[in-house]
Amino acid sequence: MIEITVQLEDVDYSGIAELAMPIVKEKLAENGGFIAGLFGKHIPEAALNSALSGFLKFLTPEQKDEIVLSLINKYEDKIVNILQQTASNHGVNLTVKGLSASNAGKET
């Protein structure tokens, strides 16, 4: 088995927010309620992305990293499938056995 470590720096948090917005909307729709209806029917996705990007400006870099780490770890299966599909699309067959993310700069 081969283990690869990838370190990320200069993360585009606004871009991640845009990618995460459909997931947020999906999860809200599953729970139903007023907020889900409001997001789904009355607020354009561009406005939600803009609001989320504005919100991110108030977070510290450490808080932003924790959000990204949480998303990576929560959606491990989807990310693994994307990695395997991308490799396959380029003629490379491989199996990704797992994926996890941690903050390399954080002391434990």
PDB file of N, CA and C in Angstrom:
ATOM      1  N   MET A   1       0.845  -1.169   0.000  1.00  0.00           N
ATOM      2  CA  MET A   1       0.000   0.000   0.000  1.00  0.00           C
ATOM      3  C   MET A   1       0.892   1.236   0.000  1.00  0.00           C
ATOM      4  N   ILE A   2       0.432   2.269  -0.663  1.00  0.00           N
ATOM      5  CA  ILE A   2       1.142   3.544  -0.738  1.00  0.00           C
ATOM      6  C   ILE A   2       0.317   4.584  -0.004  1.00  0.00           C
ATOM      7  N   GLU A   3       0.964   5.352   0.848  1.00  0.00           N
ATOM      8  CA  GLU A   3       0.278   6.438   1.554  1.00  0.00           C
ATOM      9  C   GLU A   3       0.807   7.755   1.021  1.00  0.00           C
ATOM     10  N   ILE A   4      -0.114   8.638   0.647  1.00  0.00           N
ATOM     11  CA  ILE A   4       0.247   9.944   0.110  1.00  0.00           C
ATOM     12  C   ILE A   4      -0.275  11.021   1.046  1.00  0.00           C
ATOM     13  N   THR A   5       0.563  11.976   1.362  1.00  0.00           N
ATOM     14  CA  THR A   5       0.147  13.120   2.169  1.00  0.00           C
ATOM     15  C   THR A   5       0.139  14.341   1.271  1.00  0.00           C
ATOM     16  N   VAL A   6      -0.964  15.070   1.297  1.00  0.00           N
ATOM     17  CA  VAL A   6      -1.090  16.286   0.517  1.00  0.00           C
ATOM     18  C   VAL A   6      -1.315  17.427   1.496  1.00  0.00           C
ATOM     19  N   GLN A   7      -0.483  18.441   1.422  1.00  0.00           N
ATOM     20  CA  GLN A   7      -0.654  19.610   2.279  1.00  0.00           C
ATOM     21  C   GLN A   7      -1.267  20.720   1.452  1.00  0.00           C
ATOM     22  N   LEU A   8      -2.310  21.341   1.973  1.00  0.00           N
ATOM     23  CA  LEU A   8      -2.997  22.419   1.276  1.00  0.00           C
ATOM     24  C   LEU A   8      -2.665  23.748   1.923  1.00  0.00           C
ATOM     25  N   GLU A   9      -2.467  24.745   1.083  1.00  0.00           N
ATOM     26  CA  GLU A   9      -2.178  26.086   1.553  1.00  0.00           C
ATOM     27  C   GLU A   9      -2.889  27.046   0.606  1.00  0.00           C
ATOM     28  N   ASP A  10      -3.147  28.247   1.055  1.00  0.00           N
ATOM     29  CA  ASP A  10      -3.832  29.244   0.225  1.00  0.00           C
ATOM     30  C   ASP A  10      -5.143  28.681  -0.320  1.00  0.00           C
ATOM     31  N   VAL A  11      -5.955  28.165   0.569  1.00  0.00           N
ATOM     32  CA  VAL A  11      -7.226  27.553   0.204  1.00  0.00           C
ATOM     33  C   VAL A  11      -8.224  28.636  -0.199  1.00  0.00           C
ATOM     34  N   ASP A  12      -8.939  28.404  -1.284  1.00  0.00           N
ATOM     35  CA  ASP A  12      -9.989  29.310  -1.748  1.00  0.00           C
ATOM     36  C   ASP A  12     -11.272  28.966  -0.983  1.00  0.00           C
ATOM     37  N   TYR A  13     -11.436  29.566   0.190  1.00  0.00           N
ATOM     38  CA  TYR A  13     -12.580  29.253   1.041  1.00  0.00           C
ATOM     39  C   TYR A  13     -13.900  29.641   0.387  1.00  0.00           C
ATOM     40  N   SER A  14     -13.912  30.727  -0.357  1.00  0.00           N
ATOM     41  CA  SER A  14     -15.143  31.128  -1.055  1.00  0.00           C
ATOM     42  C   SER A  14     -15.521  30.093  -2.110  1.00  0.00           C
ATOM     43  N   GLY A  15     -14.525  29.564  -2.793  1.00  0.00           N
ATOM     44  CA  GLY A  15     -14.784  28.512  -3.775  1.00  0.00           C
ATOM     45  C   GLY A  15     -15.332  27.264  -3.127  1.00  0.00           C
ATOM     46  N   ILE A  16     -14.790  26.920  -1.970  1.00  0.00           N
ATOM     47  CA  ILE A  16     -15.298  25.764  -1.235  1.00  0.00           C
ATOM     48  C   ILE A  16     -16.725  26.022  -0.779  1.00  0.00           C
ATOM     49  N   ALA A  17     -16.994  27.259  -0.350  1.00  0.00           N
ATOM     50  CA  ALA A  17     -18.347  27.610   0.072  1.00  0.00           C
ATOM     51  C   ALA A  17     -19.334  27.417  -1.074  1.00  0.00           C
ATOM     52  N   GLU A  18     -18.936  27.823  -2.275  1.00  0.00           N
ATOM     53  CA  GLU A  18     -19.809  27.639  -3.432  1.00  0.00           C
ATOM     54  C   GLU A  18     -20.038  26.160  -3.727  1.00  0.00           C
ATOM     55  N   LEU A  19     -18.991  25.356  -3.581  1.00  0.00           N
ATOM     56  CA  LEU A  19     -19.143  23.920  -3.796  1.00  0.00           C
ATOM     57  C   LEU A  19     -20.022  23.280  -2.725  1.00  0.00           C
ATOM     58  N   ALA A  20     -19.931  23.796  -1.504  1.00  0.00           N
ATOM     59  CA  ALA A  20     -20.684  23.212  -0.396  1.00  0.00           C
ATOM     60  C   ALA A  20     -22.146  23.650  -0.375  1.00  0.00           C
ATOM     61  N   MET A  21     -22.484  24.756  -1.014  1.00  0.00           N
ATOM     62  CA  MET A  21     -23.837  25.288  -0.938  1.00  0.00           C
ATOM     63  C   MET A  21     -24.899  24.278  -1.389  1.00  0.00           C
ATOM     64  N   PRO A  22     -24.718  23.559  -2.497  1.00  0.00           N
ATOM     65  CA  PRO A  22     -25.733  22.563  -2.861  1.00  0.00           C
ATOM     66  C   PRO A  22     -25.912  21.487  -1.784  1.00  0.00           C
ATOM     67  N   ILE A  23     -24.827  21.128  -1.115  1.00  0.00           N
ATOM     68  CA  ILE A  23     -24.922  20.139  -0.038  1.00  0.00           C
ATOM     69  C   ILE A  23     -25.719  20.710   1.129  1.00  0.00           C
ATOM     70  N   VAL A  24     -25.456  21.969   1.461  1.00  0.00           N
ATOM     71  CA  VAL A  24     -26.184  22.630   2.545  1.00  0.00           C
ATOM     72  C   VAL A  24     -27.669  22.679   2.212  1.00  0.00           C
ATOM     73  N   LYS A  25     -27.985  23.082   0.984  1.00  0.00           N
ATOM     74  CA  LYS A  25     -29.387  23.159   0.570  1.00  0.00           C
ATOM     75  C   LYS A  25     -30.049  21.779   0.612  1.00  0.00           C
ATOM     76  N   GLU A  26     -29.322  20.758   0.184  1.00  0.00           N
ATOM     77  CA  GLU A  26     -29.843  19.390   0.198  1.00  0.00           C
ATOM     78  C   GLU A  26     -30.149  18.942   1.618  1.00  0.00           C
ATOM     79  N   LYS A  27     -29.230  19.207   2.534  1.00  0.00           N
ATOM     80  CA  LYS A  27     -29.432  18.810   3.925  1.00  0.00           C
ATOM     81  C   LYS A  27     -30.603  19.563   4.546  1.00  0.00           C
ATOM     82  N   LEU A  28     -30.735  20.842   4.233  1.00  0.00           N
ATOM     83  CA  LEU A  28     -31.865  21.610   4.740  1.00  0.00           C
ATOM     84  C   LEU A  28     -33.181  21.076   4.184  1.00  0.00           C
ATOM     85  N   ALA A  29     -33.184  20.718   2.906  1.00  0.00           N
ATOM     86  CA  ALA A  29     -34.396  20.184   2.291  1.00  0.00           C
ATOM     87  C   ALA A  29     -34.813  18.866   2.933  1.00  0.00           C
ATOM     88  N   GLU A  30     -33.829  18.056   3.320  1.00  0.00           N
ATOM     89  CA  GLU A  30     -34.134  16.793   3.992  1.00  0.00           C
ATOM     90  C   GLU A  30     -34.862  17.029   5.306  1.00  0.00           C
ATOM     91  N   ASN A  31     -34.474  18.111   6.006  1.00  0.00           N
ATOM     92  CA  ASN A  31     -35.078  18.419   7.299  1.00  0.00           C
ATOM     93  C   ASN A  31     -36.385  19.184   7.162  1.00  0.00           C
ATOM     94  N   GLY A  32     -36.624  19.763   5.990  1.00  0.00           N
ATOM     95  CA  GLY A  32     -37.843  20.522   5.761  1.00  0.00           C
ATOM     96  C   GLY A  32     -37.858  21.796   6.577  1.00  0.00           C
ATOM     97  N   GLY A  33     -39.012  22.394   6.677  1.00  0.00           N
ATOM     98  CA  GLY A  33     -39.156  23.585   7.491  1.00  0.00           C
ATOM     99  C   GLY A  33     -39.053  24.871   6.697  1.00  0.00           C
ATOM    100  N   PHE A  34     -39.230  25.962   7.393  1.00  0.00           N
ATOM    101  CA  PHE A  34     -39.280  27.291   6.793  1.00  0.00           C
ATOM    102  C   PHE A  34     -37.983  27.665   6.096  1.00  0.00           C
ATOM    103  N   ILE A  35     -36.860  27.442   6.768  1.00  0.00           N
ATOM    104  CA  ILE A  35     -35.554  27.832   6.204  1.00  0.00           C
ATOM    105  C   ILE A  35     -35.291  27.089   4.900  1.00  0.00           C
ATOM    106  N   ALA A  36     -35.584  25.792   4.873  1.00  0.00           N
ATOM    107  CA  ALA A  36     -35.364  25.007   3.657  1.00  0.00           C
ATOM    108  C   ALA A  36     -36.204  25.551   2.513  1.00  0.00           C
ATOM    109  N   GLY A  37     -37.449  25.868   2.780  1.00  0.00           N
ATOM    110  CA  GLY A  37     -38.320  26.430   1.750  1.00  0.00           C
ATOM    111  C   GLY A  37     -37.841  27.782   1.281  1.00  0.00           C
ATOM    112  N   LEU A  38     -37.385  28.585   2.206  1.00  0.00           N
ATOM    113  CA  LEU A  38     -36.887  29.918   1.870  1.00  0.00           C
ATOM    114  C   LEU A  38     -35.658  29.818   0.977  1.00  0.00           C
ATOM    115  N   PHE A  39     -34.704  28.972   1.355  1.00  0.00           N
ATOM    116  CA  PHE A  39     -33.495  28.799   0.559  1.00  0.00           C
ATOM    117  C   PHE A  39     -33.816  28.195  -0.802  1.00  0.00           C
ATOM    118  N   GLY A  40     -34.681  27.208  -0.800  1.00  0.00           N
ATOM    119  CA  GLY A  40     -34.970  26.471  -2.030  1.00  0.00           C
ATOM    120  C   GLY A  40     -35.758  27.261  -3.054  1.00  0.00           C
ATOM    121  N   LYS A  41     -36.644  28.151  -2.605  1.00  0.00           N
ATOM    122  CA  LYS A  41     -37.573  28.779  -3.538  1.00  0.00           C
ATOM    123  C   LYS A  41     -37.383  30.276  -3.712  1.00  0.00           C
ATOM    124  N   HIS A  42     -36.883  30.970  -2.714  1.00  0.00           N
ATOM    125  CA  HIS A  42     -36.940  32.421  -2.750  1.00  0.00           C
ATOM    126  C   HIS A  42     -35.596  33.129  -2.763  1.00  0.00           C
ATOM    127  N   ILE A  43     -34.531  32.457  -2.405  1.00  0.00           N
ATOM    128  CA  ILE A  43     -33.225  33.115  -2.360  1.00  0.00           C
ATOM    129  C   ILE A  43     -32.344  32.490  -3.444  1.00  0.00           C
ATOM    130  N   PRO A  44     -31.905  33.298  -4.411  1.00  0.00           N
ATOM    131  CA  PRO A  44     -31.040  32.755  -5.473  1.00  0.00           C
ATOM    132  C   PRO A  44     -29.739  32.200  -4.892  1.00  0.00           C
ATOM    133  N   GLU A  45     -29.229  31.158  -5.528  1.00  0.00           N
ATOM    134  CA  GLU A  45     -27.998  30.530  -5.039  1.00  0.00           C
ATOM    135  C   GLU A  45     -26.832  31.519  -5.043  1.00  0.00           C
ATOM    136  N   ALA A  46     -26.796  32.413  -6.011  1.00  0.00           N
ATOM    137  CA  ALA A  46     -25.720  33.413  -6.057  1.00  0.00           C
ATOM    138  C   ALA A  46     -25.746  34.289  -4.807  1.00  0.00           C
ATOM    139  N   ALA A  47     -26.945  34.629  -4.339  1.00  0.00           N
ATOM    140  CA  ALA A  47     -27.056  35.452  -3.130  1.00  0.00           C
ATOM    141  C   ALA A  47     -26.584  34.673  -1.909  1.00  0.00           C
ATOM    142  N   LEU A  48     -26.909  33.389  -1.854  1.00  0.00           N
ATOM    143  CA  LEU A  48     -26.449  32.553  -0.740  1.00  0.00           C
ATOM    144  C   LEU A  48     -24.932  32.436  -0.750  1.00  0.00           C
ATOM    145  N   ASN A  49     -24.363  32.231  -1.934  1.00  0.00           N
ATOM    146  CA  ASN A  49     -22.898  32.141  -2.043  1.00  0.00           C
ATOM    147  C   ASN A  49     -22.240  33.431  -1.586  1.00  0.00           C
ATOM    148  N   SER A  50     -22.813  34.552  -1.980  1.00  0.00           N
ATOM    149  CA  SER A  50     -22.270  35.851  -1.588  1.00  0.00           C
ATOM    150  C   SER A  50     -22.349  36.039  -0.073  1.00  0.00           C
ATOM    151  N   ALA A  51     -23.489  35.661   0.511  1.00  0.00           N
ATOM    152  CA  ALA A  51     -23.651  35.793   1.960  1.00  0.00           C
ATOM    153  C   ALA A  51     -22.654  34.907   2.702  1.00  0.00           C
ATOM    154  N   LEU A  52     -22.476  33.693   2.216  1.00  0.00           N
ATOM    155  CA  LEU A  52     -21.541  32.774   2.866  1.00  0.00           C
ATOM    156  C   LEU A  52     -20.106  33.278   2.725  1.00  0.00           C
ATOM    157  N   SER A  53     -19.762  33.823   1.565  1.00  0.00           N
ATOM    158  CA  SER A  53     -18.425  34.388   1.378  1.00  0.00           C
ATOM    159  C   SER A  53     -18.204  35.562   2.321  1.00  0.00           C
ATOM    160  N   GLY A  54     -19.236  36.384   2.499  1.00  0.00           N
ATOM    161  CA  GLY A  54     -19.135  37.502   3.442  1.00  0.00           C
ATOM    162  C   GLY A  54     -18.954  37.023   4.859  1.00  0.00           C
ATOM    163  N   PHE A  55     -19.677  35.974   5.234  1.00  0.00           N
ATOM    164  CA  PHE A  55     -19.562  35.390   6.565  1.00  0.00           C
ATOM    165  C   PHE A  55     -18.146  34.878   6.817  1.00  0.00           C
ATOM    166  N   LEU A  56     -17.544  34.278   5.791  1.00  0.00           N
ATOM    167  CA  LEU A  56     -16.200  33.721   5.941  1.00  0.00           C
ATOM    168  C   LEU A  56     -15.165  34.785   6.283  1.00  0.00           C
ATOM    169  N   LYS A  57     -15.407  36.028   5.883  1.00  0.00           N
ATOM    170  CA  LYS A  57     -14.464  37.105   6.172  1.00  0.00           C
ATOM    171  C   LYS A  57     -14.334  37.367   7.671  1.00  0.00           C
ATOM    172  N   PHE A  58     -15.351  36.980   8.439  1.00  0.00           N
ATOM    173  CA  PHE A  58     -15.335  37.211   9.877  1.00  0.00           C
ATOM    174  C   PHE A  58     -14.680  36.076  10.660  1.00  0.00           C
ATOM    175  N   LEU A  59     -14.345  34.985   9.992  1.00  0.00           N
ATOM    176  CA  LEU A  59     -13.734  33.842  10.666  1.00  0.00           C
ATOM    177  C   LEU A  59     -12.217  33.931  10.623  1.00  0.00           C
ATOM    178  N   THR A  60     -11.584  33.378  11.636  1.00  0.00           N
ATOM    179  CA  THR A  60     -10.126  33.303  11.648  1.00  0.00           C
ATOM    180  C   THR A  60      -9.676  32.216  10.670  1.00  0.00           C
ATOM    181  N   PRO A  61      -8.419  32.259  10.231  1.00  0.00           N
ATOM    182  CA  PRO A  61      -7.922  31.187   9.360  1.00  0.00           C
ATOM    183  C   PRO A  61      -8.084  29.796  10.002  1.00  0.00           C
ATOM    184  N   GLU A  62      -7.896  29.729  11.302  1.00  0.00           N
ATOM    185  CA  GLU A  62      -8.039  28.442  11.995  1.00  0.00           C
ATOM    186  C   GLU A  62      -9.483  27.939  11.927  1.00  0.00           C
ATOM    187  N   GLN A  63     -10.445  28.837  12.097  1.00  0.00           N
ATOM    188  CA  GLN A  63     -11.854  28.449  12.016  1.00  0.00           C
ATOM    189  C   GLN A  63     -12.209  27.995  10.599  1.00  0.00           C
ATOM    190  N   LYS A  64     -11.693  28.686   9.612  1.00  0.00           N
ATOM    191  CA  LYS A  64     -11.938  28.288   8.221  1.00  0.00           C
ATOM    192  C   LYS A  64     -11.349  26.906   7.949  1.00  0.00           C
ATOM    193  N   ASP A  65     -10.137  26.673   8.441  1.00  0.00           N
ATOM    194  CA  ASP A  65      -9.508  25.360   8.266  1.00  0.00           C
ATOM    195  C   ASP A  65     -10.343  24.267   8.906  1.00  0.00           C
ATOM    196  N   GLU A  66     -10.877  24.523  10.089  1.00  0.00           N
ATOM    197  CA  GLU A  66     -11.700  23.519  10.775  1.00  0.00           C
ATOM    198  C   GLU A  66     -12.951  23.185   9.966  1.00  0.00           C
ATOM    199  N   ILE A  67     -13.547  24.187   9.329  1.00  0.00           N
ATOM    200  CA  ILE A  67     -14.723  23.943   8.486  1.00  0.00           C
ATOM    201  C   ILE A  67     -14.345  23.049   7.309  1.00  0.00           C
ATOM    202  N   VAL A  68     -13.227  23.373   6.653  1.00  0.00           N
ATOM    203  CA  VAL A  68     -12.781  22.576   5.511  1.00  0.00           C
ATOM    204  C   VAL A  68     -12.450  21.154   5.951  1.00  0.00           C
ATOM    205  N   LEU A  69     -11.753  21.004   7.067  1.00  0.00           N
ATOM    206  CA  LEU A  69     -11.427  19.672   7.578  1.00  0.00           C
ATOM    207  C   LEU A  69     -12.695  18.871   7.849  1.00  0.00           C
ATOM    208  N   SER A  70     -13.666  19.517   8.434  1.00  0.00           N
ATOM    209  CA  SER A  70     -14.932  18.856   8.730  1.00  0.00           C
ATOM    210  C   SER A  70     -15.614  18.370   7.450  1.00  0.00           C
ATOM    211  N   LEU A  71     -15.624  19.219   6.428  1.00  0.00           N
ATOM    212  CA  LEU A  71     -16.247  18.831   5.156  1.00  0.00           C
ATOM    213  C   LEU A  71     -15.505  17.675   4.502  1.00  0.00           C
ATOM    214  N   ILE A  72     -14.173  17.734   4.511  1.00  0.00           N
ATOM    215  CA  ILE A  72     -13.384  16.657   3.905  1.00  0.00           C
ATOM    216  C   ILE A  72     -13.651  15.341   4.622  1.00  0.00           C
ATOM    217  N   ASN A  73     -13.621  15.356   5.940  1.00  0.00           N
ATOM    218  CA  ASN A  73     -13.831  14.123   6.693  1.00  0.00           C
ATOM    219  C   ASN A  73     -15.267  13.618   6.596  1.00  0.00           C
ATOM    220  N   LYS A  74     -16.222  14.530   6.558  1.00  0.00           N
ATOM    221  CA  LYS A  74     -17.633  14.120   6.473  1.00  0.00           C
ATOM    222  C   LYS A  74     -17.962  13.499   5.122  1.00  0.00           C
ATOM    223  N   TYR A  75     -17.377  14.053   4.056  1.00  0.00           N
ATOM    224  CA  TYR A  75     -17.698  13.585   2.705  1.00  0.00           C
ATOM    225  C   TYR A  75     -16.574  12.757   2.103  1.00  0.00           C
ATOM    226  N   GLU A  76     -15.887  12.015   2.976  1.00  0.00           N
ATOM    227  CA  GLU A  76     -14.769  11.169   2.554  1.00  0.00           C
ATOM    228  C   GLU A  76     -15.161  10.255   1.401  1.00  0.00           C
ATOM    229  N   ASP A  77     -16.300   9.573   1.518  1.00  0.00           N
ATOM    230  CA  ASP A  77     -16.708   8.614   0.487  1.00  0.00           C
ATOM    231  C   ASP A  77     -16.887   9.281  -0.873  1.00  0.00           C
ATOM    232  N   LYS A  78     -17.524  10.450  -0.883  1.00  0.00           N
ATOM    233  CA  LYS A  78     -17.732  11.154  -2.149  1.00  0.00           C
ATOM    234  C   LYS A  78     -16.401  11.601  -2.750  1.00  0.00           C
ATOM    235  N   ILE A  79     -15.494  12.079  -1.916  1.00  0.00           N
ATOM    236  CA  ILE A  79     -14.191  12.535  -2.403  1.00  0.00           C
ATOM    237  C   ILE A  79     -13.390  11.355  -2.950  1.00  0.00           C
ATOM    238  N   VAL A  80     -13.422  10.225  -2.246  1.00  0.00           N
ATOM    239  CA  VAL A  80     -12.727   9.025  -2.709  1.00  0.00           C
ATOM    240  C   VAL A  80     -13.277   8.595  -4.065  1.00  0.00           C
ATOM    241  N   ASN A  81     -14.602   8.625  -4.217  1.00  0.00           N
ATOM    242  CA  ASN A  81     -15.201   8.256  -5.500  1.00  0.00           C
ATOM    243  C   ASN A  81     -14.756   9.194  -6.617  1.00  0.00           C
ATOM    244  N   ILE A  82     -14.673  10.486  -6.321  1.00  0.00           N
ATOM    245  CA  ILE A  82     -14.208  11.455  -7.315  1.00  0.00           C
ATOM    246  C   ILE A  82     -12.764  11.163  -7.711  1.00  0.00           C
ATOM    247  N   LEU A  83     -11.906  10.884  -6.718  1.00  0.00           N
ATOM    248  CA  LEU A  83     -10.498  10.573  -7.009  1.00  0.00           C
ATOM    249  C   LEU A  83     -10.381   9.336  -7.893  1.00  0.00           C
ATOM    250  N   GLN A  84     -11.115   8.289  -7.542  1.00  0.00           N
ATOM    251  CA  GLN A  84     -11.053   7.050  -8.309  1.00  0.00           C
ATOM    252  C   GLN A  84     -11.603   7.247  -9.712  1.00  0.00           C
ATOM    253  N   GLN A  85     -12.705   7.988  -9.840  1.00  0.00           N
ATOM    254  CA  GLN A  85     -13.299   8.235 -11.154  1.00  0.00           C
ATOM    255  C   GLN A  85     -12.369   9.072 -12.022  1.00  0.00           C
ATOM    256  N   THR A  86     -11.740  10.081 -11.428  1.00  0.00           N
ATOM    257  CA  THR A  86     -10.802  10.924 -12.178  1.00  0.00           C
ATOM    258  C   THR A  86      -9.623  10.090 -12.676  1.00  0.00           C
ATOM    259  N   ALA A  87      -9.082   9.246 -11.815  1.00  0.00           N
ATOM    260  CA  ALA A  87      -7.980   8.366 -12.229  1.00  0.00           C
ATOM    261  C   ALA A  87      -8.440   7.450 -13.358  1.00  0.00           C
ATOM    262  N   SER A  88      -9.606   6.870 -13.204  1.00  0.00           N
ATOM    263  CA  SER A  88     -10.143   5.965 -14.223  1.00  0.00           C
ATOM    264  C   SER A  88     -10.342   6.688 -15.552  1.00  0.00           C
ATOM    265  N   ASN A  89     -10.830   7.919 -15.503  1.00  0.00           N
ATOM    266  CA  ASN A  89     -11.026   8.710 -16.723  1.00  0.00           C
ATOM    267  C   ASN A  89      -9.716   8.960 -17.456  1.00  0.00           C
ATOM    268  N   HIS A  90      -8.603   8.892 -16.712  1.00  0.00           N
ATOM    269  CA  HIS A  90      -7.286   9.081 -17.312  1.00  0.00           C
ATOM    270  C   HIS A  90      -6.566   7.751 -17.551  1.00  0.00           C
ATOM    271  N   GLY A  91      -7.306   6.656 -17.489  1.00  0.00           N
ATOM    272  CA  GLY A  91      -6.745   5.345 -17.791  1.00  0.00           C
ATOM    273  C   GLY A  91      -5.950   4.707 -16.672  1.00  0.00           C
ATOM    274  N   VAL A  92      -6.138   5.197 -15.453  1.00  0.00           N
ATOM    275  CA  VAL A  92      -5.410   4.644 -14.318  1.00  0.00           C
ATOM    276  C   VAL A  92      -6.414   3.956 -13.387  1.00  0.00           C
ATOM    277  N   ASN A  93      -6.220   2.669 -13.186  1.00  0.00           N
ATOM    278  CA  ASN A  93      -7.078   1.949 -12.253  1.00  0.00           C
ATOM    279  C   ASN A  93      -6.419   1.903 -10.891  1.00  0.00           C
ATOM    280  N   LEU A  94      -7.148   2.352  -9.879  1.00  0.00           N
ATOM    281  CA  LEU A  94      -6.637   2.302  -8.515  1.00  0.00           C
ATOM    282  C   LEU A  94      -7.806   2.294  -7.546  1.00  0.00           C
ATOM    283  N   THR A  95      -7.505   1.877  -6.347  1.00  0.00           N
ATOM    284  CA  THR A  95      -8.494   1.894  -5.276  1.00  0.00           C
ATOM    285  C   THR A  95      -7.959   2.764  -4.158  1.00  0.00           C
ATOM    286  N   VAL A  96      -8.719   3.773  -3.802  1.00  0.00           N
ATOM    287  CA  VAL A  96      -8.359   4.613  -2.668  1.00  0.00           C
ATOM    288  C   VAL A  96      -8.988   3.972  -1.446  1.00  0.00           C
ATOM    289  N   LYS A  97      -8.159   3.522  -0.504  1.00  0.00           N
ATOM    290  CA  LYS A  97      -8.653   2.787   0.662  1.00  0.00           C
ATOM    291  C   LYS A  97      -9.200   3.691   1.751  1.00  0.00           C
ATOM    292  N   GLY A  98      -8.828   4.944   1.729  1.00  0.00           N
ATOM    293  CA  GLY A  98      -9.317   5.840   2.758  1.00  0.00           C
ATOM    294  C   GLY A  98      -8.777   7.233   2.563  1.00  0.00           C
ATOM    295  N   LEU A  99      -9.395   8.153   3.258  1.00  0.00           N
ATOM    296  CA  LEU A  99      -8.995   9.548   3.176  1.00  0.00           C
ATOM    297  C   LEU A  99      -9.308  10.176   4.519  1.00  0.00           C
ATOM    298  N   SER A 100      -8.394  10.953   5.030  1.00  0.00           N
ATOM    299  CA  SER A 100      -8.674  11.704   6.245  1.00  0.00           C
ATOM    300  C   SER A 100      -7.906  13.003   6.175  1.00  0.00           C
ATOM    301  N   ALA A 101      -8.382  13.977   6.891  1.00  0.00           N
ATOM    302  CA  ALA A 101      -7.731  15.280   6.889  1.00  0.00           C
ATOM    303  C   ALA A 101      -7.501  15.720   8.323  1.00  0.00           C
ATOM    304  N   SER A 102      -6.374  16.364   8.545  1.00  0.00           N
ATOM    305  CA  SER A 102      -6.069  16.944   9.855  1.00  0.00           C
ATOM    306  C   SER A 102      -5.288  18.215   9.628  1.00  0.00           C
ATOM    307  N   ASN A 103      -5.248  19.027  10.640  1.00  0.00           N
ATOM    308  CA  ASN A 103      -4.557  20.302  10.559  1.00  0.00           C
ATOM    309  C   ASN A 103      -3.087  20.082  10.881  1.00  0.00           C
ATOM    310  N   ALA A 104      -2.231  20.146   9.847  1.00  0.00           N
ATOM    311  CA  ALA A 104      -0.801  19.874  10.026  1.00  0.00           C
ATOM    312  C   ALA A 104      -0.132  20.918  10.908  1.00  0.00           C
ATOM    313  N   GLY A 105      -0.662  22.126  10.933  1.00  0.00           N
ATOM    314  CA  GLY A 105      -0.040  23.187  11.724  1.00  0.00           C
ATOM    315  C   GLY A 105      -0.513  23.235  13.159  1.00  0.00           C
ATOM    316  N   LYS A 106      -1.528  22.455  13.491  1.00  0.00           N
ATOM    317  CA  LYS A 106      -2.099  22.476  14.834  1.00  0.00           C
ATOM    318  C   LYS A 106      -1.370  21.507  15.737  1.00  0.00           C
ATOM    319  N   GLU A 107      -0.916  22.012  16.864  1.00  0.00           N
ATOM    320  CA  GLU A 107      -0.224  21.145  17.826  1.00  0.00           C
ATOM    321  C   GLU A 107      -1.253  20.420  18.664  1.00  0.00           C
ATOM    322  N   THR A 108      -1.003  19.121  18.904  1.00  0.00           N
ATOM    323  CA  THR A 108      -1.939  18.337  19.722  1.00  0.00           C
ATOM    324  C   THR A 108      -1.358  18.011  21.069  1.00  0.00           C
TER     325      THR A 108
END
